[in-house]
């Protein structure tokens, strides 16, 4: 049982990380011009990496869904990892700034997803 839980968490985290990496490679491939053959090769490589990461997202997410009794926990985990890692990558790679308002909004979205995910116990009378 614990092994199954660890497996679905690892796969959901991997899906979130792959999604953030895919976004990174997609953005990098879009800003790179191709004035030389080397630039064009780099752009193609970044595009291929983006597609490979997208394939990784779906492979890992489907595995997490297969191991989970509900689709909500893998969705919450992969979304949370994607939000945080995308913000960190944007900050470190592109120098983007995220405000307290952005982090507050992301936190509220994730808290809402966790509330939906939380099992409701019915009281027996």
PDB file of N, CA and C in Angstrom:
ATOM      1  N   UNK A   1       0.822  -1.195   0.000  1.00  0.00           N
ATOM      2  CA  UNK A   1       0.000   0.000   0.000  1.00  0.00           C
ATOM      3  C   UNK A   1       0.866   1.259   0.000  1.00  0.00           C
ATOM      4  N   UNK A   2       1.876   1.304   0.887  1.00  0.00           N
ATOM      5  CA  UNK A   2       2.754   2.460   0.959  1.00  0.00           C
ATOM      6  C   UNK A   2       3.556   2.588  -0.331  1.00  0.00           C
ATOM      7  N   UNK A   3       3.974   1.470  -0.881  1.00  0.00           N
ATOM      8  CA  UNK A   3       4.743   1.482  -2.128  1.00  0.00           C
ATOM      9  C   UNK A   3       3.903   2.070  -3.262  1.00  0.00           C
ATOM     10  N   UNK A   4       2.634   1.723  -3.308  1.00  0.00           N
ATOM     11  CA  UNK A   4       1.730   2.258  -4.322  1.00  0.00           C
ATOM     12  C   UNK A   4       1.583   3.771  -4.150  1.00  0.00           C
ATOM     13  N   UNK A   5       1.476   4.235  -2.891  1.00  0.00           N
ATOM     14  CA  UNK A   5       1.371   5.671  -2.615  1.00  0.00           C
ATOM     15  C   UNK A   5       2.627   6.396  -3.077  1.00  0.00           C
ATOM     16  N   UNK A   6       3.799   5.836  -2.738  1.00  0.00           N
ATOM     17  CA  UNK A   6       5.058   6.456  -3.139  1.00  0.00           C
ATOM     18  C   UNK A   6       5.177   6.500  -4.657  1.00  0.00           C
ATOM     19  N   UNK A   7       4.760   5.443  -5.326  1.00  0.00           N
ATOM     20  CA  UNK A   7       4.840   5.393  -6.782  1.00  0.00           C
ATOM     21  C   UNK A   7       3.991   6.452  -7.447  1.00  0.00           C
ATOM     22  N   UNK A   8       2.768   6.619  -6.965  1.00  0.00           N
ATOM     23  CA  UNK A   8       1.904   7.616  -7.603  1.00  0.00           C
ATOM     24  C   UNK A   8       2.379   9.028  -7.299  1.00  0.00           C
ATOM     25  N   UNK A   9       2.953   9.256  -6.117  1.00  0.00           N
ATOM     26  CA  UNK A   9       3.487  10.576  -5.802  1.00  0.00           C
ATOM     27  C   UNK A   9       4.705  10.872  -6.669  1.00  0.00           C
ATOM     28  N   UNK A  10       5.591   9.904  -6.800  1.00  0.00           N
ATOM     29  CA  UNK A  10       6.782  10.098  -7.638  1.00  0.00           C
ATOM     30  C   UNK A  10       6.376  10.387  -9.078  1.00  0.00           C
ATOM     31  N   UNK A  11       5.407   9.657  -9.591  1.00  0.00           N
ATOM     32  CA  UNK A  11       4.966   9.887 -10.967  1.00  0.00           C
ATOM     33  C   UNK A  11       4.278  11.240 -11.123  1.00  0.00           C
ATOM     34  N   UNK A  12       3.498  11.649 -10.142  1.00  0.00           N
ATOM     35  CA  UNK A  12       2.832  12.954 -10.220  1.00  0.00           C
ATOM     36  C   UNK A  12       3.849  14.091 -10.135  1.00  0.00           C
ATOM     37  N   UNK A  13       4.845  13.950  -9.262  1.00  0.00           N
ATOM     38  CA  UNK A  13       5.905  14.954  -9.165  1.00  0.00           C
ATOM     39  C   UNK A  13       6.690  15.011 -10.474  1.00  0.00           C
ATOM     40  N   UNK A  14       6.991  13.850 -11.034  1.00  0.00           N
ATOM     41  CA  UNK A  14       7.712  13.806 -12.311  1.00  0.00           C
ATOM     42  C   UNK A  14       6.913  14.482 -13.420  1.00  0.00           C
ATOM     43  N   UNK A  15       5.606  14.284 -13.423  1.00  0.00           N
ATOM     44  CA  UNK A  15       4.757  14.933 -14.425  1.00  0.00           C
ATOM     45  C   UNK A  15       4.819  16.451 -14.283  1.00  0.00           C
ATOM     46  N   UNK A  16       4.777  16.950 -13.058  1.00  0.00           N
ATOM     47  CA  UNK A  16       4.864  18.389 -12.828  1.00  0.00           C
ATOM     48  C   UNK A  16       6.202  18.968 -13.255  1.00  0.00           C
ATOM     49  N   UNK A  17       7.283  18.240 -12.958  1.00  0.00           N
ATOM     50  CA  UNK A  17       8.615  18.704 -13.354  1.00  0.00           C
ATOM     51  C   UNK A  17       8.787  18.677 -14.874  1.00  0.00           C
ATOM     52  N   UNK A  18       8.276  17.635 -15.495  1.00  0.00           N
ATOM     53  CA  UNK A  18       8.339  17.558 -16.961  1.00  0.00           C
ATOM     54  C   UNK A  18       7.539  18.685 -17.606  1.00  0.00           C
ATOM     55  N   UNK A  19       6.408  19.034 -17.019  1.00  0.00           N
ATOM     56  CA  UNK A  19       5.596  20.138 -17.562  1.00  0.00           C
ATOM     57  C   UNK A  19       6.355  21.455 -17.483  1.00  0.00           C
ATOM     58  N   UNK A  20       7.023  21.690 -16.356  1.00  0.00           N
ATOM     59  CA  UNK A  20       7.798  22.926 -16.213  1.00  0.00           C
ATOM     60  C   UNK A  20       8.978  22.939 -17.189  1.00  0.00           C
ATOM     61  N   UNK A  21       9.632  21.806 -17.350  1.00  0.00           N
ATOM     62  CA  UNK A  21      10.756  21.724 -18.295  1.00  0.00           C
ATOM     63  C   UNK A  21      10.274  21.931 -19.727  1.00  0.00           C
ATOM     64  N   UNK A  22       9.127  21.375 -20.044  1.00  0.00           N
ATOM     65  CA  UNK A  22       8.559  21.557 -21.379  1.00  0.00           C
ATOM     66  C   UNK A  22       8.284  23.027 -21.661  1.00  0.00           C
ATOM     67  N   UNK A  23       7.739  23.720 -20.687  1.00  0.00           N
ATOM     68  CA  UNK A  23       7.488  25.158 -20.841  1.00  0.00           C
ATOM     69  C   UNK A  23       8.791  25.924 -21.032  1.00  0.00           C
ATOM     70  N   UNK A  24       9.802  25.548 -20.272  1.00  0.00           N
ATOM     71  CA  UNK A  24      11.104  26.191 -20.392  1.00  0.00           C
ATOM     72  C   UNK A  24      11.675  26.006 -21.795  1.00  0.00           C
ATOM     73  N   UNK A  25      11.690  24.762 -22.287  1.00  0.00           N
ATOM     74  CA  UNK A  25      12.242  24.499 -23.615  1.00  0.00           C
ATOM     75  C   UNK A  25      11.407  25.171 -24.705  1.00  0.00           C
ATOM     76  N   UNK A  26      10.103  25.213 -24.522  1.00  0.00           N
ATOM     77  CA  UNK A  26       9.255  25.885 -25.493  1.00  0.00           C
ATOM     78  C   UNK A  26       9.540  27.374 -25.566  1.00  0.00           C
ATOM     79  N   UNK A  27       9.717  27.985 -24.393  1.00  0.00           N
ATOM     80  CA  UNK A  27      10.012  29.423 -24.374  1.00  0.00           C
ATOM     81  C   UNK A  27      11.392  29.689 -24.965  1.00  0.00           C
ATOM     82  N   UNK A  28      12.366  28.853 -24.622  1.00  0.00           N
ATOM     83  CA  UNK A  28      13.709  29.031 -25.173  1.00  0.00           C
ATOM     84  C   UNK A  28      13.732  28.846 -26.691  1.00  0.00           C
ATOM     85  N   UNK A  29      12.951  27.900 -27.194  1.00  0.00           N
ATOM     86  CA  UNK A  29      12.936  27.683 -28.645  1.00  0.00           C
ATOM     87  C   UNK A  29      12.248  28.834 -29.366  1.00  0.00           C
ATOM     88  N   UNK A  30      11.358  29.526 -28.689  1.00  0.00           N
ATOM     89  CA  UNK A  30      10.650  30.637 -29.305  1.00  0.00           C
ATOM     90  C   UNK A  30      11.449  31.919 -29.348  1.00  0.00           C
ATOM     91  N   UNK A  31      12.400  32.100 -28.431  1.00  0.00           N
ATOM     92  CA  UNK A  31      13.155  33.354 -28.411  1.00  0.00           C
ATOM     93  C   UNK A  31      14.444  33.268 -29.223  1.00  0.00           C
ATOM     94  N   UNK A  32      14.870  32.076 -29.544  1.00  0.00           N
ATOM     95  CA  UNK A  32      16.109  31.898 -30.294  1.00  0.00           C
ATOM     96  C   UNK A  32      15.856  32.114 -31.786  1.00  0.00           C
ATOM     97  N   UNK A  33      16.565  33.076 -32.375  1.00  0.00           N
ATOM     98  CA  UNK A  33      16.460  33.282 -33.818  1.00  0.00           C
ATOM     99  C   UNK A  33      17.297  32.241 -34.554  1.00  0.00           C
ATOM    100  N   UNK A  34      17.149  32.168 -35.856  1.00  0.00           N
ATOM    101  CA  UNK A  34      17.961  31.207 -36.597  1.00  0.00           C
ATOM    102  C   UNK A  34      18.596  31.875 -37.808  1.00  0.00           C
ATOM    103  N   UNK A  35      19.651  32.619 -37.516  1.00  0.00           N
ATOM    104  CA  UNK A  35      20.384  33.285 -38.584  1.00  0.00           C
ATOM    105  C   UNK A  35      21.484  32.387 -39.139  1.00  0.00           C
ATOM    106  N   UNK A  36      21.920  31.415 -38.368  1.00  0.00           N
ATOM    107  CA  UNK A  36      22.941  30.466 -38.838  1.00  0.00           C
ATOM    108  C   UNK A  36      22.394  29.052 -38.699  1.00  0.00           C
ATOM    109  N   UNK A  37      23.138  28.125 -39.280  1.00  0.00           N
ATOM    110  CA  UNK A  37      22.744  26.705 -39.171  1.00  0.00           C
ATOM    111  C   UNK A  37      22.800  26.230 -37.716  1.00  0.00           C
ATOM    112  N   UNK A  38      23.763  26.730 -36.951  1.00  0.00           N
ATOM    113  CA  UNK A  38      23.877  26.335 -35.543  1.00  0.00           C
ATOM    114  C   UNK A  38      22.662  26.840 -34.759  1.00  0.00           C
ATOM    115  N   UNK A  39      22.211  28.056 -35.056  1.00  0.00           N
ATOM    116  CA  UNK A  39      21.020  28.591 -34.391  1.00  0.00           C
ATOM    117  C   UNK A  39      19.782  27.766 -34.720  1.00  0.00           C
ATOM    118  N   UNK A  40      19.676  27.382 -35.985  1.00  0.00           N
ATOM    119  CA  UNK A  40      18.540  26.560 -36.412  1.00  0.00           C
ATOM    120  C   UNK A  40      18.581  25.192 -35.740  1.00  0.00           C
ATOM    121  N   UNK A  41      19.775  24.602 -35.649  1.00  0.00           N
ATOM    122  CA  UNK A  41      19.923  23.301 -34.991  1.00  0.00           C
ATOM    123  C   UNK A  41      19.552  23.402 -33.513  1.00  0.00           C
ATOM    124  N   UNK A  42      19.959  24.504 -32.868  1.00  0.00           N
ATOM    125  CA  UNK A  42      19.612  24.705 -31.458  1.00  0.00           C
ATOM    126  C   UNK A  42      18.110  24.847 -31.287  1.00  0.00           C
ATOM    127  N   UNK A  43      17.483  25.593 -32.187  1.00  0.00           N
ATOM    128  CA  UNK A  43      16.030  25.775 -32.114  1.00  0.00           C
ATOM    129  C   UNK A  43      15.309  24.439 -32.294  1.00  0.00           C
ATOM    130  N   UNK A  44      15.760  23.625 -33.228  1.00  0.00           N
ATOM    131  CA  UNK A  44      15.155  22.303 -33.450  1.00  0.00           C
ATOM    132  C   UNK A  44      15.366  21.419 -32.230  1.00  0.00           C
ATOM    133  N   UNK A  45      16.568  21.456 -31.652  1.00  0.00           N
ATOM    134  CA  UNK A  45      16.858  20.656 -30.459  1.00  0.00           C
ATOM    135  C   UNK A  45      15.949  21.056 -29.300  1.00  0.00           C
ATOM    136  N   UNK A  46      15.786  22.354 -29.082  1.00  0.00           N
ATOM    137  CA  UNK A  46      14.914  22.820 -28.002  1.00  0.00           C
ATOM    138  C   UNK A  46      13.467  22.413 -28.247  1.00  0.00           C
ATOM    139  N   UNK A  47      13.041  22.455 -29.501  1.00  0.00           N
ATOM    140  CA  UNK A  47      11.679  22.037 -29.837  1.00  0.00           C
ATOM    141  C   UNK A  47      11.495  20.540 -29.577  1.00  0.00           C
ATOM    142  N   UNK A  48      12.476  19.741 -29.956  1.00  0.00           N
ATOM    143  CA  UNK A  48      12.406  18.292 -29.723  1.00  0.00           C
ATOM    144  C   UNK A  48      12.388  18.002 -28.221  1.00  0.00           C
ATOM    145  N   UNK A  49      13.191  18.739 -27.456  1.00  0.00           N
ATOM    146  CA  UNK A  49      13.182  18.562 -25.999  1.00  0.00           C
ATOM    147  C   UNK A  49      11.820  18.929 -25.405  1.00  0.00           C
ATOM    148  N   UNK A  50      11.189  19.973 -25.944  1.00  0.00           N
ATOM    149  CA  UNK A  50       9.859  20.354 -25.476  1.00  0.00           C
ATOM    150  C   UNK A  50       8.858  19.225 -25.734  1.00  0.00           C
ATOM    151  N   UNK A  51       8.895  18.658 -26.938  1.00  0.00           N
ATOM    152  CA  UNK A  51       7.976  17.569 -27.278  1.00  0.00           C
ATOM    153  C   UNK A  51       8.257  16.341 -26.408  1.00  0.00           C
ATOM    154  N   UNK A  52       9.539  16.031 -26.181  1.00  0.00           N
ATOM    155  CA  UNK A  52       9.898  14.881 -25.341  1.00  0.00           C
ATOM    156  C   UNK A  52       9.417  15.082 -23.907  1.00  0.00           C
ATOM    157  N   UNK A  53       9.545  16.300 -23.396  1.00  0.00           N
ATOM    158  CA  UNK A  53       9.064  16.576 -22.044  1.00  0.00           C
ATOM    159  C   UNK A  53       7.543  16.479 -21.971  1.00  0.00           C
ATOM    160  N   UNK A  54       6.858  16.922 -23.015  1.00  0.00           N
ATOM    161  CA  UNK A  54       5.399  16.764 -23.047  1.00  0.00           C
ATOM    162  C   UNK A  54       5.007  15.292 -23.020  1.00  0.00           C
ATOM    163  N   UNK A  55       5.731  14.478 -23.757  1.00  0.00           N
ATOM    164  CA  UNK A  55       5.474  13.031 -23.719  1.00  0.00           C
ATOM    165  C   UNK A  55       5.726  12.490 -22.311  1.00  0.00           C
ATOM    166  N   UNK A  56       6.773  12.998 -21.657  1.00  0.00           N
ATOM    167  CA  UNK A  56       7.073  12.588 -20.286  1.00  0.00           C
ATOM    168  C   UNK A  56       5.972  12.981 -19.318  1.00  0.00           C
ATOM    169  N   UNK A  57       5.391  14.160 -19.539  1.00  0.00           N
ATOM    170  CA  UNK A  57       4.273  14.606 -18.688  1.00  0.00           C
ATOM    171  C   UNK A  57       3.156  13.583 -18.742  1.00  0.00           C
ATOM    172  N   UNK A  58       2.737  13.246 -19.944  1.00  0.00           N
ATOM    173  CA  UNK A  58       1.582  12.355 -20.084  1.00  0.00           C
ATOM    174  C   UNK A  58       1.892  10.938 -19.640  1.00  0.00           C
ATOM    175  N   UNK A  59       3.105  10.478 -19.894  1.00  0.00           N
ATOM    176  CA  UNK A  59       3.471   9.136 -19.453  1.00  0.00           C
ATOM    177  C   UNK A  59       3.442   9.053 -17.918  1.00  0.00           C
ATOM    178  N   UNK A  60       4.066  10.023 -17.261  1.00  0.00           N
ATOM    179  CA  UNK A  60       4.112  10.015 -15.798  1.00  0.00           C
ATOM    180  C   UNK A  60       2.731  10.263 -15.192  1.00  0.00           C
ATOM    181  N   UNK A  61       1.971  11.172 -15.786  1.00  0.00           N
ATOM    182  CA  UNK A  61       0.653  11.483 -15.240  1.00  0.00           C
ATOM    183  C   UNK A  61      -0.295  10.290 -15.359  1.00  0.00           C
ATOM    184  N   UNK A  62      -0.237   9.611 -16.482  1.00  0.00           N
ATOM    185  CA  UNK A  62      -1.092   8.426 -16.654  1.00  0.00           C
ATOM    186  C   UNK A  62      -0.704   7.340 -15.663  1.00  0.00           C
ATOM    187  N   UNK A  63       0.585   7.160 -15.433  1.00  0.00           N
ATOM    188  CA  UNK A  63       1.026   6.174 -14.433  1.00  0.00           C
ATOM    189  C   UNK A  63       0.535   6.553 -13.039  1.00  0.00           C
ATOM    190  N   UNK A  64       0.599   7.844 -12.710  1.00  0.00           N
ATOM    191  CA  UNK A  64       0.100   8.292 -11.402  1.00  0.00           C
ATOM    192  C   UNK A  64      -1.398   8.054 -11.290  1.00  0.00           C
ATOM    193  N   UNK A  65      -2.131   8.311 -12.371  1.00  0.00           N
ATOM    194  CA  UNK A  65      -3.579   8.073 -12.357  1.00  0.00           C
ATOM    195  C   UNK A  65      -3.905   6.591 -12.203  1.00  0.00           C
ATOM    196  N   UNK A  66      -3.135   5.746 -12.853  1.00  0.00           N
ATOM    197  CA  UNK A  66      -3.376   4.305 -12.760  1.00  0.00           C
ATOM    198  C   UNK A  66      -3.172   3.789 -11.343  1.00  0.00           C
ATOM    199  N   UNK A  67      -2.264   4.405 -10.602  1.00  0.00           N
ATOM    200  CA  UNK A  67      -1.945   3.933  -9.250  1.00  0.00           C
ATOM    201  C   UNK A  67      -2.769   4.624  -8.172  1.00  0.00           C
ATOM    202  N   UNK A  68      -3.611   5.552  -8.559  1.00  0.00           N
ATOM    203  CA  UNK A  68      -4.381   6.324  -7.580  1.00  0.00           C
ATOM    204  C   UNK A  68      -5.859   5.942  -7.637  1.00  0.00           C
ATOM    205  N   UNK A  69      -6.514   5.869  -6.479  1.00  0.00           N
ATOM    206  CA  UNK A  69      -7.947   5.558  -6.480  1.00  0.00           C
ATOM    207  C   UNK A  69      -8.792   6.714  -7.018  1.00  0.00           C
ATOM    208  N   UNK A  70      -8.232   7.923  -7.042  1.00  0.00           N
ATOM    209  CA  UNK A  70      -8.944   9.097  -7.533  1.00  0.00           C
ATOM    210  C   UNK A  70      -7.993   9.907  -8.414  1.00  0.00           C
ATOM    211  N   UNK A  71      -8.548  10.650  -9.350  1.00  0.00           N
ATOM    212  CA  UNK A  71      -7.703  11.464 -10.220  1.00  0.00           C
ATOM    213  C   UNK A  71      -7.272  12.770  -9.557  1.00  0.00           C
ATOM    214  N   UNK A  72      -7.893  13.130  -8.458  1.00  0.00           N
ATOM    215  CA  UNK A  72      -7.587  14.413  -7.832  1.00  0.00           C
ATOM    216  C   UNK A  72      -6.193  14.507  -7.211  1.00  0.00           C
ATOM    217  N   UNK A  73      -5.729  13.540  -6.409  1.00  0.00           N
ATOM    218  CA  UNK A  73      -4.391  13.692  -5.820  1.00  0.00           C
ATOM    219  C   UNK A  73      -3.272  13.846  -6.857  1.00  0.00           C
ATOM    220  N   UNK A  74      -3.221  13.030  -7.907  1.00  0.00           N
ATOM    221  CA  UNK A  74      -2.167  13.270  -8.901  1.00  0.00           C
ATOM    222  C   UNK A  74      -2.285  14.639  -9.571  1.00  0.00           C
ATOM    223  N   UNK A  75      -3.512  15.102  -9.769  1.00  0.00           N
ATOM    224  CA  UNK A  75      -3.722  16.411 -10.378  1.00  0.00           C
ATOM    225  C   UNK A  75      -3.210  17.516  -9.472  1.00  0.00           C
ATOM    226  N   UNK A  76      -3.518  17.438  -8.187  1.00  0.00           N
ATOM    227  CA  UNK A  76      -3.074  18.451  -7.236  1.00  0.00           C
ATOM    228  C   UNK A  76      -1.557  18.453  -7.130  1.00  0.00           C
ATOM    229  N   UNK A  77      -0.975  17.280  -7.009  1.00  0.00           N
ATOM    230  CA  UNK A  77       0.479  17.188  -6.845  1.00  0.00           C
ATOM    231  C   UNK A  77       1.202  17.713  -8.081  1.00  0.00           C
ATOM    232  N   UNK A  78       0.794  17.263  -9.258  1.00  0.00           N
ATOM    233  CA  UNK A  78       1.496  17.692 -10.476  1.00  0.00           C
ATOM    234  C   UNK A  78       1.283  19.181 -10.735  1.00  0.00           C
ATOM    235  N   UNK A  79       0.096  19.696 -10.421  1.00  0.00           N
ATOM    236  CA  UNK A  79      -0.164  21.124 -10.597  1.00  0.00           C
ATOM    237  C   UNK A  79       0.697  21.946  -9.643  1.00  0.00           C
ATOM    238  N   UNK A  80       0.781  21.523  -8.396  1.00  0.00           N
ATOM    239  CA  UNK A  80       1.586  22.250  -7.407  1.00  0.00           C
ATOM    240  C   UNK A  80       3.057  22.280  -7.816  1.00  0.00           C
ATOM    241  N   UNK A  81       3.573  21.136  -8.201  1.00  0.00           N
ATOM    242  CA  UNK A  81       4.977  21.061  -8.615  1.00  0.00           C
ATOM    243  C   UNK A  81       5.206  21.913  -9.850  1.00  0.00           C
ATOM    244  N   UNK A  82       4.273  21.875 -10.795  1.00  0.00           N
ATOM    245  CA  UNK A  82       4.407  22.667 -12.021  1.00  0.00           C
ATOM    246  C   UNK A  82       4.400  24.156 -11.704  1.00  0.00           C
ATOM    247  N   UNK A  83       3.472  24.623 -10.859  1.00  0.00           N
ATOM    248  CA  UNK A  83       3.406  26.046 -10.496  1.00  0.00           C
ATOM    249  C   UNK A  83       4.729  26.507  -9.892  1.00  0.00           C
ATOM    250  N   UNK A  84       5.169  25.787  -8.865  1.00  0.00           N
ATOM    251  CA  UNK A  84       6.359  26.215  -8.125  1.00  0.00           C
ATOM    252  C   UNK A  84       7.602  26.130  -8.996  1.00  0.00           C
ATOM    253  N   UNK A  85       7.787  25.012  -9.698  1.00  0.00           N
ATOM    254  CA  UNK A  85       9.000  24.872 -10.512  1.00  0.00           C
ATOM    255  C   UNK A  85       9.001  25.826 -11.702  1.00  0.00           C
ATOM    256  N   UNK A  86       7.842  26.115 -12.283  1.00  0.00           N
ATOM    257  CA  UNK A  86       7.778  27.101 -13.369  1.00  0.00           C
ATOM    258  C   UNK A  86       8.147  28.493 -12.864  1.00  0.00           C
ATOM    259  N   UNK A  87       7.667  28.843 -11.687  1.00  0.00           N
ATOM    260  CA  UNK A  87       8.011  30.149 -11.113  1.00  0.00           C
ATOM    261  C   UNK A  87       9.503  30.241 -10.819  1.00  0.00           C
ATOM    262  N   UNK A  88      10.063  29.177 -10.271  1.00  0.00           N
ATOM    263  CA  UNK A  88      11.492  29.186  -9.955  1.00  0.00           C
ATOM    264  C   UNK A  88      12.341  29.210 -11.223  1.00  0.00           C
ATOM    265  N   UNK A  89      11.973  28.411 -12.217  1.00  0.00           N
ATOM    266  CA  UNK A  89      12.713  28.426 -13.487  1.00  0.00           C
ATOM    267  C   UNK A  89      12.616  29.791 -14.160  1.00  0.00           C
ATOM    268  N   UNK A  90      11.433  30.375 -14.164  1.00  0.00           N
ATOM    269  CA  UNK A  90      11.269  31.699 -14.743  1.00  0.00           C
ATOM    270  C   UNK A  90      12.129  32.736 -14.052  1.00  0.00           C
ATOM    271  N   UNK A  91      12.229  32.621 -12.742  1.00  0.00           N
ATOM    272  CA  UNK A  91      13.039  33.556 -11.971  1.00  0.00           C
ATOM    273  C   UNK A  91      14.529  33.365 -12.246  1.00  0.00           C
ATOM    274  N   UNK A  92      14.992  32.124 -12.192  1.00  0.00           N
ATOM    275  CA  UNK A  92      16.428  31.853 -12.347  1.00  0.00           C
ATOM    276  C   UNK A  92      16.911  31.977 -13.785  1.00  0.00           C
ATOM    277  N   UNK A  93      16.129  31.499 -14.749  1.00  0.00           N
ATOM    278  CA  UNK A  93      16.574  31.473 -16.139  1.00  0.00           C
ATOM    279  C   UNK A  93      16.294  32.791 -16.855  1.00  0.00           C
ATOM    280  N   UNK A  94      15.121  33.366 -16.640  1.00  0.00           N
ATOM    281  CA  UNK A  94      14.706  34.550 -17.391  1.00  0.00           C
ATOM    282  C   UNK A  94      14.687  35.828 -16.556  1.00  0.00           C
ATOM    283  N   UNK A  95      14.974  35.717 -15.273  1.00  0.00           N
ATOM    284  CA  UNK A  95      14.972  36.890 -14.412  1.00  0.00           C
ATOM    285  C   UNK A  95      13.576  37.439 -14.157  1.00  0.00           C
ATOM    286  N   UNK A  96      12.557  36.613 -14.319  1.00  0.00           N
ATOM    287  CA  UNK A  96      11.178  37.054 -14.081  1.00  0.00           C
ATOM    288  C   UNK A  96      10.951  37.214 -12.580  1.00  0.00           C
ATOM    289  N   UNK A  97      10.110  38.150 -12.251  1.00  0.00           N
ATOM    290  CA  UNK A  97       9.778  38.374 -10.848  1.00  0.00           C
ATOM    291  C   UNK A  97       8.360  37.891 -10.576  1.00  0.00           C
ATOM    292  N   UNK A  98       8.196  37.242  -9.446  1.00  0.00           N
ATOM    293  CA  UNK A  98       6.864  36.843  -9.004  1.00  0.00           C
ATOM    294  C   UNK A  98       6.566  37.610  -7.728  1.00  0.00           C
ATOM    295  N   UNK A  99       5.406  38.183  -7.694  1.00  0.00           N
ATOM    296  CA  UNK A  99       5.025  39.016  -6.550  1.00  0.00           C
ATOM    297  C   UNK A  99       4.390  38.163  -5.460  1.00  0.00           C
ATOM    298  N   UNK A 100       4.216  38.793  -4.334  1.00  0.00           N
ATOM    299  CA  UNK A 100       3.506  38.147  -3.232  1.00  0.00           C
ATOM    300  C   UNK A 100       2.076  37.830  -3.644  1.00  0.00           C
ATOM    301  N   UNK A 101       1.493  38.690  -4.456  1.00  0.00           N
ATOM    302  CA  UNK A 101       0.136  38.456  -4.952  1.00  0.00           C
ATOM    303  C   UNK A 101       0.086  37.185  -5.811  1.00  0.00           C
ATOM    304  N   UNK A 102       1.104  36.970  -6.656  1.00  0.00           N
ATOM    305  CA  UNK A 102       1.151  35.768  -7.488  1.00  0.00           C
ATOM    306  C   UNK A 102       1.242  34.524  -6.611  1.00  0.00           C
ATOM    307  N   UNK A 103       2.171  34.551  -5.637  1.00  0.00           N
ATOM    308  CA  UNK A 103       2.331  33.396  -4.748  1.00  0.00           C
ATOM    309  C   UNK A 103       1.062  33.159  -3.927  1.00  0.00           C
ATOM    310  N   UNK A 104       0.411  34.229  -3.523  1.00  0.00           N
ATOM    311  CA  UNK A 104      -0.840  34.090  -2.767  1.00  0.00           C
ATOM    312  C   UNK A 104      -1.925  33.443  -3.633  1.00  0.00           C
ATOM    313  N   UNK A 105      -2.031  33.888  -4.871  1.00  0.00           N
ATOM    314  CA  UNK A 105      -3.010  33.304  -5.789  1.00  0.00           C
ATOM    315  C   UNK A 105      -2.728  31.843  -6.069  1.00  0.00           C
ATOM    316  N   UNK A 106      -1.459  31.513  -6.320  1.00  0.00           N
ATOM    317  CA  UNK A 106      -1.090  30.120  -6.569  1.00  0.00           C
ATOM    318  C   UNK A 106      -1.394  29.256  -5.349  1.00  0.00           C
ATOM    319  N   UNK A 107      -1.125  29.793  -4.170  1.00  0.00           N
ATOM    320  CA  UNK A 107      -1.405  29.055  -2.935  1.00  0.00           C
ATOM    321  C   UNK A 107      -2.905  28.828  -2.767  1.00  0.00           C
ATOM    322  N   UNK A 108      -3.705  29.840  -3.062  1.00  0.00           N
ATOM    323  CA  UNK A 108      -5.153  29.678  -2.941  1.00  0.00           C
ATOM    324  C   UNK A 108      -5.695  28.655  -3.943  1.00  0.00           C
ATOM    325  N   UNK A 109      -5.163  28.655  -5.154  1.00  0.00           N
ATOM    326  CA  UNK A 109      -5.582  27.656  -6.143  1.00  0.00           C
ATOM    327  C   UNK A 109      -5.251  26.255  -5.633  1.00  0.00           C
ATOM    328  N   UNK A 110      -4.042  26.080  -5.121  1.00  0.00           N
ATOM    329  CA  UNK A 110      -3.635  24.764  -4.627  1.00  0.00           C
ATOM    330  C   UNK A 110      -4.428  24.353  -3.389  1.00  0.00           C
ATOM    331  N   UNK A 111      -4.706  25.296  -2.510  1.00  0.00           N
ATOM    332  CA  UNK A 111      -5.532  24.976  -1.338  1.00  0.00           C
ATOM    333  C   UNK A 111      -6.940  24.576  -1.754  1.00  0.00           C
ATOM    334  N   UNK A 112      -7.478  25.242  -2.743  1.00  0.00           N
ATOM    335  CA  UNK A 112      -8.792  24.868  -3.259  1.00  0.00           C
ATOM    336  C   UNK A 112      -8.794  23.469  -3.835  1.00  0.00           C
ATOM    337  N   UNK A 113      -7.736  23.137  -4.578  1.00  0.00           N
ATOM    338  CA  UNK A 113      -7.630  21.776  -5.128  1.00  0.00           C
ATOM    339  C   UNK A 113      -7.514  20.747  -4.013  1.00  0.00           C
ATOM    340  N   UNK A 114      -6.761  21.079  -2.959  1.00  0.00           N
ATOM    341  CA  UNK A 114      -6.625  20.135  -1.850  1.00  0.00           C
ATOM    342  C   UNK A 114      -7.942  19.961  -1.110  1.00  0.00           C
ATOM    343  N   UNK A 115      -8.721  21.028  -0.981  1.00  0.00           N
ATOM    344  CA  UNK A 115     -10.033  20.904  -0.336  1.00  0.00           C
ATOM    345  C   UNK A 115     -10.958  20.000  -1.139  1.00  0.00           C
ATOM    346  N   UNK A 116     -10.918  20.131  -2.445  1.00  0.00           N
ATOM    347  CA  UNK A 116     -11.727  19.255  -3.301  1.00  0.00           C
ATOM    348  C   UNK A 116     -11.280  17.807  -3.133  1.00  0.00           C
ATOM    349  N   UNK A 117     -10.000  17.638  -2.959  1.00  0.00           N
ATOM    350  CA  UNK A 117      -9.387  16.311  -2.854  1.00  0.00           C
ATOM    351  C   UNK A 117      -9.661  15.628  -1.516  1.00  0.00           C
ATOM    352  N   UNK A 118      -9.845  16.421  -0.480  1.00  0.00           N
ATOM    353  CA  UNK A 118      -9.985  15.887   0.871  1.00  0.00           C
ATOM    354  C   UNK A 118     -11.246  15.040   0.975  1.00  0.00           C
ATOM    355  N   UNK A 119     -11.112  13.797   1.445  1.00  0.00           N
ATOM    356  CA  UNK A 119     -12.293  12.945   1.559  1.00  0.00           C
ATOM    357  C   UNK A 119     -13.241  13.447   2.647  1.00  0.00           C
ATOM    358  N   UNK A 120     -14.504  13.437   2.332  1.00  0.00           N
ATOM    359  CA  UNK A 120     -15.530  13.862   3.289  1.00  0.00           C
ATOM    360  C   UNK A 120     -16.071  12.612   3.987  1.00  0.00           C
ATOM    361  N   UNK A 121     -16.044  12.625   5.299  1.00  0.00           N
ATOM    362  CA  UNK A 121     -16.579  11.500   6.068  1.00  0.00           C
ATOM    363  C   UNK A 121     -18.028  11.818   6.412  1.00  0.00           C
ATOM    364  N   UNK A 122     -18.876  10.869   6.134  1.00  0.00           N
ATOM    365  CA  UNK A 122     -20.281  11.034   6.489  1.00  0.00           C
ATOM    366  C   UNK A 122     -20.494  10.511   7.890  1.00  0.00           C
ATOM    367  N   UNK A 123     -21.276  11.251   8.654  1.00  0.00           N
ATOM    368  CA  UNK A 123     -21.554  10.847  10.025  1.00  0.00           C
ATOM    369  C   UNK A 123     -22.710   9.857  10.038  1.00  0.00           C
ATOM    370  N   UNK A 124     -22.478   8.745  10.727  1.00  0.00           N
ATOM    371  CA  UNK A 124     -23.528   7.744  10.871  1.00  0.00           C
ATOM    372  C   UNK A 124     -24.368   8.073  12.088  1.00  0.00           C
ATOM    373  N   UNK A 125     -25.654   7.869  11.963  1.00  0.00           N
ATOM    374  CA  UNK A 125     -26.537   8.154  13.093  1.00  0.00           C
ATOM    375  C   UNK A 125     -27.084   6.880  13.667  1.00  0.00           C
TER     376      UNK A 125
END
